[in-house]
């Protein structure tokens, strides 16, 4: 019986200590949550985890510059009436950001997402089949 009383008392003390540690101690102070801050952008808007770049019906990418956080991904959407093969710069090696090469060939109406862009850098992209077409070029900044 004595062990039961000691076990119950120990459990009560443990519960009380946990409540105090978790802020349940009846303190009258309150904390106001703060919103996370976004690092300043180097162009292309505020950094986010994901971004979408659309090839419009006019065959022009929009936006042509985006900023994402490290680990983020970029989705390319092809709203043009013809296919495009989106790749990382430089042409034809496509080595600046190999994660962008996962987008590759997009039929009209198709979309595809890049791999995770984990290294802070700026990557250019273009249509592999039209590497000199400035309307299909842009950049992705990873912060």
C-alpha atoms as a PDB file:
ATOM      1  CA  UNK A   1       0.000   0.000   0.000  1.00  0.00           C
ATOM      2  CA  UNK A   2       2.861   2.328   0.852  1.00  0.00           C
ATOM      3  CA  UNK A   3       4.349   1.789  -2.644  1.00  0.00           C
ATOM      4  CA  UNK A   4       1.009   2.724  -4.255  1.00  0.00           C
ATOM      5  CA  UNK A   5       0.881   5.997  -2.309  1.00  0.00           C
ATOM      6  CA  UNK A   6       4.486   6.837  -3.216  1.00  0.00           C
ATOM      7  CA  UNK A   7       3.840   5.982  -6.886  1.00  0.00           C
ATOM      8  CA  UNK A   8       0.709   8.182  -6.941  1.00  0.00           C
ATOM      9  CA  UNK A   9       2.561  11.062  -5.267  1.00  0.00           C
ATOM     10  CA  UNK A  10       5.423  10.724  -7.750  1.00  0.00           C
ATOM     11  CA  UNK A  11       3.018  10.738 -10.665  1.00  0.00           C
ATOM     12  CA  UNK A  12       1.279  13.852  -9.296  1.00  0.00           C
ATOM     13  CA  UNK A  13       4.607  15.664  -8.975  1.00  0.00           C
ATOM     14  CA  UNK A  14       5.575  14.657 -12.522  1.00  0.00           C
ATOM     15  CA  UNK A  15       2.258  15.965 -13.909  1.00  0.00           C
ATOM     16  CA  UNK A  16       2.665  19.255 -12.014  1.00  0.00           C
ATOM     17  CA  UNK A  17       6.224  19.724 -13.270  1.00  0.00           C
ATOM     18  CA  UNK A  18       5.157  19.019 -16.844  1.00  0.00           C
ATOM     19  CA  UNK A  19       2.316  21.544 -16.620  1.00  0.00           C
ATOM     20  CA  UNK A  20       4.674  24.255 -15.354  1.00  0.00           C
ATOM     21  CA  UNK A  21       7.280  23.459 -18.008  1.00  0.00           C
ATOM     22  CA  UNK A  22       4.656  23.666 -20.754  1.00  0.00           C
ATOM     23  CA  UNK A  23       3.379  27.031 -19.605  1.00  0.00           C
ATOM     24  CA  UNK A  24       0.454  25.686 -17.616  1.00  0.00           C
ATOM     25  CA  UNK A  25       1.748  27.179 -14.367  1.00  0.00           C
ATOM     26  CA  UNK A  26      -0.833  29.964 -14.325  1.00  0.00           C
ATOM     27  CA  UNK A  27       1.503  32.762 -15.372  1.00  0.00           C
ATOM     28  CA  UNK A  28      -0.319  35.913 -16.389  1.00  0.00           C
ATOM     29  CA  UNK A  29       2.171  36.871 -19.076  1.00  0.00           C
ATOM     30  CA  UNK A  30       1.271  36.051 -22.654  1.00  0.00           C
ATOM     31  CA  UNK A  31       3.520  35.815 -25.638  1.00  0.00           C
ATOM     32  CA  UNK A  32       2.573  37.198 -29.001  1.00  0.00           C
ATOM     33  CA  UNK A  33       3.532  34.975 -31.915  1.00  0.00           C
ATOM     34  CA  UNK A  34       5.764  36.633 -34.456  1.00  0.00           C
ATOM     35  CA  UNK A  35       5.610  36.012 -38.149  1.00  0.00           C
ATOM     36  CA  UNK A  36       8.735  34.677 -39.830  1.00  0.00           C
ATOM     37  CA  UNK A  37      10.763  37.150 -41.812  1.00  0.00           C
ATOM     38  CA  UNK A  38      11.596  36.609 -45.443  1.00  0.00           C
ATOM     39  CA  UNK A  39      15.131  37.323 -46.583  1.00  0.00           C
ATOM     40  CA  UNK A  40      15.471  40.239 -48.973  1.00  0.00           C
ATOM     41  CA  UNK A  41      15.055  39.338 -52.603  1.00  0.00           C
ATOM     42  CA  UNK A  42      17.770  39.759 -55.206  1.00  0.00           C
ATOM     43  CA  UNK A  43      15.174  40.185 -57.929  1.00  0.00           C
ATOM     44  CA  UNK A  44      12.120  38.299 -58.994  1.00  0.00           C
ATOM     45  CA  UNK A  45      10.003  38.912 -55.902  1.00  0.00           C
ATOM     46  CA  UNK A  46       9.847  37.488 -52.415  1.00  0.00           C
ATOM     47  CA  UNK A  47      11.445  34.106 -51.748  1.00  0.00           C
ATOM     48  CA  UNK A  48       8.972  31.227 -51.384  1.00  0.00           C
ATOM     49  CA  UNK A  49       9.188  27.445 -51.187  1.00  0.00           C
ATOM     50  CA  UNK A  50       7.684  27.042 -54.643  1.00  0.00           C
ATOM     51  CA  UNK A  51       7.240  29.098 -57.771  1.00  0.00           C
ATOM     52  CA  UNK A  52       5.344  28.672 -61.016  1.00  0.00           C
ATOM     53  CA  UNK A  53       6.609  29.832 -64.389  1.00  0.00           C
ATOM     54  CA  UNK A  54       4.063  29.808 -67.184  1.00  0.00           C
ATOM     55  CA  UNK A  55       4.723  29.710 -70.889  1.00  0.00           C
ATOM     56  CA  UNK A  56       1.804  31.808 -72.066  1.00  0.00           C
ATOM     57  CA  UNK A  57      -0.360  31.425 -75.155  1.00  0.00           C
ATOM     58  CA  UNK A  58       1.968  34.000 -76.744  1.00  0.00           C
ATOM     59  CA  UNK A  59       5.023  31.752 -76.174  1.00  0.00           C
ATOM     60  CA  UNK A  60       6.553  34.002 -73.500  1.00  0.00           C
ATOM     61  CA  UNK A  61       7.620  32.833 -70.011  1.00  0.00           C
ATOM     62  CA  UNK A  62       6.064  34.706 -67.121  1.00  0.00           C
ATOM     63  CA  UNK A  63       7.485  35.615 -64.756  1.00  0.00           C
ATOM     64  CA  UNK A  64      10.943  35.465 -66.268  1.00  0.00           C
ATOM     65  CA  UNK A  65      12.581  35.720 -62.828  1.00  0.00           C
ATOM     66  CA  UNK A  66      11.571  34.047 -59.562  1.00  0.00           C
ATOM     67  CA  UNK A  67      13.167  33.692 -56.130  1.00  0.00           C
ATOM     68  CA  UNK A  68      12.733  30.584 -54.008  1.00  0.00           C
ATOM     69  CA  UNK A  69      14.175  29.340 -50.747  1.00  0.00           C
ATOM     70  CA  UNK A  70      16.734  26.537 -50.655  1.00  0.00           C
ATOM     71  CA  UNK A  71      15.014  23.195 -51.058  1.00  0.00           C
ATOM     72  CA  UNK A  72      12.204  24.767 -53.082  1.00  0.00           C
ATOM     73  CA  UNK A  73      10.887  23.636 -56.444  1.00  0.00           C
ATOM     74  CA  UNK A  74       9.722  25.357 -59.612  1.00  0.00           C
ATOM     75  CA  UNK A  75       6.761  24.247 -61.710  1.00  0.00           C
ATOM     76  CA  UNK A  76       6.682  25.061 -65.415  1.00  0.00           C
ATOM     77  CA  UNK A  77       3.266  25.242 -67.077  1.00  0.00           C
ATOM     78  CA  UNK A  78       2.990  25.197 -70.863  1.00  0.00           C
ATOM     79  CA  UNK A  79      -0.074  27.154 -72.021  1.00  0.00           C
ATOM     80  CA  UNK A  80       1.398  27.638 -75.492  1.00  0.00           C
ATOM     81  CA  UNK A  81      -0.005  25.738 -78.485  1.00  0.00           C
ATOM     82  CA  UNK A  82       3.306  23.957 -79.081  1.00  0.00           C
ATOM     83  CA  UNK A  83       5.763  21.877 -77.092  1.00  0.00           C
ATOM     84  CA  UNK A  84       8.808  23.287 -75.268  1.00  0.00           C
ATOM     85  CA  UNK A  85      11.867  21.561 -73.809  1.00  0.00           C
ATOM     86  CA  UNK A  86      12.848  23.539 -70.709  1.00  0.00           C
ATOM     87  CA  UNK A  87      16.428  23.117 -69.479  1.00  0.00           C
ATOM     88  CA  UNK A  88      19.043  24.709 -67.266  1.00  0.00           C
ATOM     89  CA  UNK A  89      21.672  27.022 -68.724  1.00  0.00           C
ATOM     90  CA  UNK A  90      24.153  26.920 -70.372  1.00  0.00           C
ATOM     91  CA  UNK A  91      23.094  25.453 -73.691  1.00  0.00           C
ATOM     92  CA  UNK A  92      23.746  22.664 -74.618  1.00  0.00           C
ATOM     93  CA  UNK A  93      25.399  21.331 -71.417  1.00  0.00           C
ATOM     94  CA  UNK A  94      22.547  22.270 -69.026  1.00  0.00           C
ATOM     95  CA  UNK A  95      24.847  22.075 -65.978  1.00  0.00           C
ATOM     96  CA  UNK A  96      24.049  25.239 -63.937  1.00  0.00           C
ATOM     97  CA  UNK A  97      21.075  23.687 -62.123  1.00  0.00           C
ATOM     98  CA  UNK A  98      20.595  20.046 -63.127  1.00  0.00           C
ATOM     99  CA  UNK A  99      17.398  19.938 -61.013  1.00  0.00           C
ATOM    100  CA  UNK A 100      15.699  22.087 -63.687  1.00  0.00           C
ATOM    101  CA  UNK A 101      16.419  19.444 -66.327  1.00  0.00           C
ATOM    102  CA  UNK A 102      13.765  17.259 -64.681  1.00  0.00           C
ATOM    103  CA  UNK A 103      11.180  19.565 -66.264  1.00  0.00           C
ATOM    104  CA  UNK A 104      12.316  18.729 -69.788  1.00  0.00           C
ATOM    105  CA  UNK A 105       9.786  18.265 -72.592  1.00  0.00           C
ATOM    106  CA  UNK A 106       6.365  19.853 -72.041  1.00  0.00           C
ATOM    107  CA  UNK A 107       3.569  19.224 -74.506  1.00  0.00           C
ATOM    108  CA  UNK A 108       0.944  21.928 -74.952  1.00  0.00           C
ATOM    109  CA  UNK A 109      -1.160  22.069 -71.768  1.00  0.00           C
ATOM    110  CA  UNK A 110       1.314  20.042 -69.692  1.00  0.00           C
ATOM    111  CA  UNK A 111       3.134  21.045 -66.498  1.00  0.00           C
ATOM    112  CA  UNK A 112       6.075  19.549 -64.651  1.00  0.00           C
ATOM    113  CA  UNK A 113       8.024  20.399 -61.497  1.00  0.00           C
ATOM    114  CA  UNK A 114      11.787  20.601 -61.057  1.00  0.00           C
ATOM    115  CA  UNK A 115      13.758  18.703 -58.471  1.00  0.00           C
ATOM    116  CA  UNK A 116      14.547  20.356 -55.141  1.00  0.00           C
ATOM    117  CA  UNK A 117      16.915  23.281 -55.627  1.00  0.00           C
ATOM    118  CA  UNK A 118      19.124  22.956 -52.530  1.00  0.00           C
ATOM    119  CA  UNK A 119      22.123  25.167 -53.317  1.00  0.00           C
ATOM    120  CA  UNK A 120      21.967  28.965 -53.016  1.00  0.00           C
ATOM    121  CA  UNK A 121      22.713  30.326 -56.492  1.00  0.00           C
ATOM    122  CA  UNK A 122      21.098  31.827 -59.571  1.00  0.00           C
ATOM    123  CA  UNK A 123      20.174  29.508 -62.428  1.00  0.00           C
ATOM    124  CA  UNK A 124      19.298  30.487 -65.931  1.00  0.00           C
ATOM    125  CA  UNK A 125      16.829  28.442 -67.975  1.00  0.00           C
ATOM    126  CA  UNK A 126      15.830  28.268 -71.651  1.00  0.00           C
ATOM    127  CA  UNK A 127      14.006  26.145 -74.204  1.00  0.00           C
ATOM    128  CA  UNK A 128      16.587  23.618 -75.412  1.00  0.00           C
ATOM    129  CA  UNK A 129      15.111  23.666 -78.928  1.00  0.00           C
ATOM    130  CA  UNK A 130      15.161  27.495 -79.087  1.00  0.00           C
ATOM    131  CA  UNK A 131      18.188  28.492 -76.974  1.00  0.00           C
ATOM    132  CA  UNK A 132      18.451  31.992 -78.442  1.00  0.00           C
ATOM    133  CA  UNK A 133      14.743  32.854 -78.028  1.00  0.00           C
ATOM    134  CA  UNK A 134      14.775  35.466 -75.230  1.00  0.00           C
ATOM    135  CA  UNK A 135      11.017  35.025 -74.723  1.00  0.00           C
ATOM    136  CA  UNK A 136      11.708  31.531 -73.396  1.00  0.00           C
ATOM    137  CA  UNK A 137      14.617  32.455 -71.105  1.00  0.00           C
ATOM    138  CA  UNK A 138      14.667  33.405 -67.449  1.00  0.00           C
ATOM    139  CA  UNK A 139      16.356  32.964 -64.112  1.00  0.00           C
ATOM    140  CA  UNK A 140      15.678  31.359 -60.768  1.00  0.00           C
ATOM    141  CA  UNK A 141      17.390  32.685 -57.656  1.00  0.00           C
ATOM    142  CA  UNK A 142      17.721  30.216 -54.781  1.00  0.00           C
ATOM    143  CA  UNK A 143      18.306  31.864 -51.388  1.00  0.00           C
END
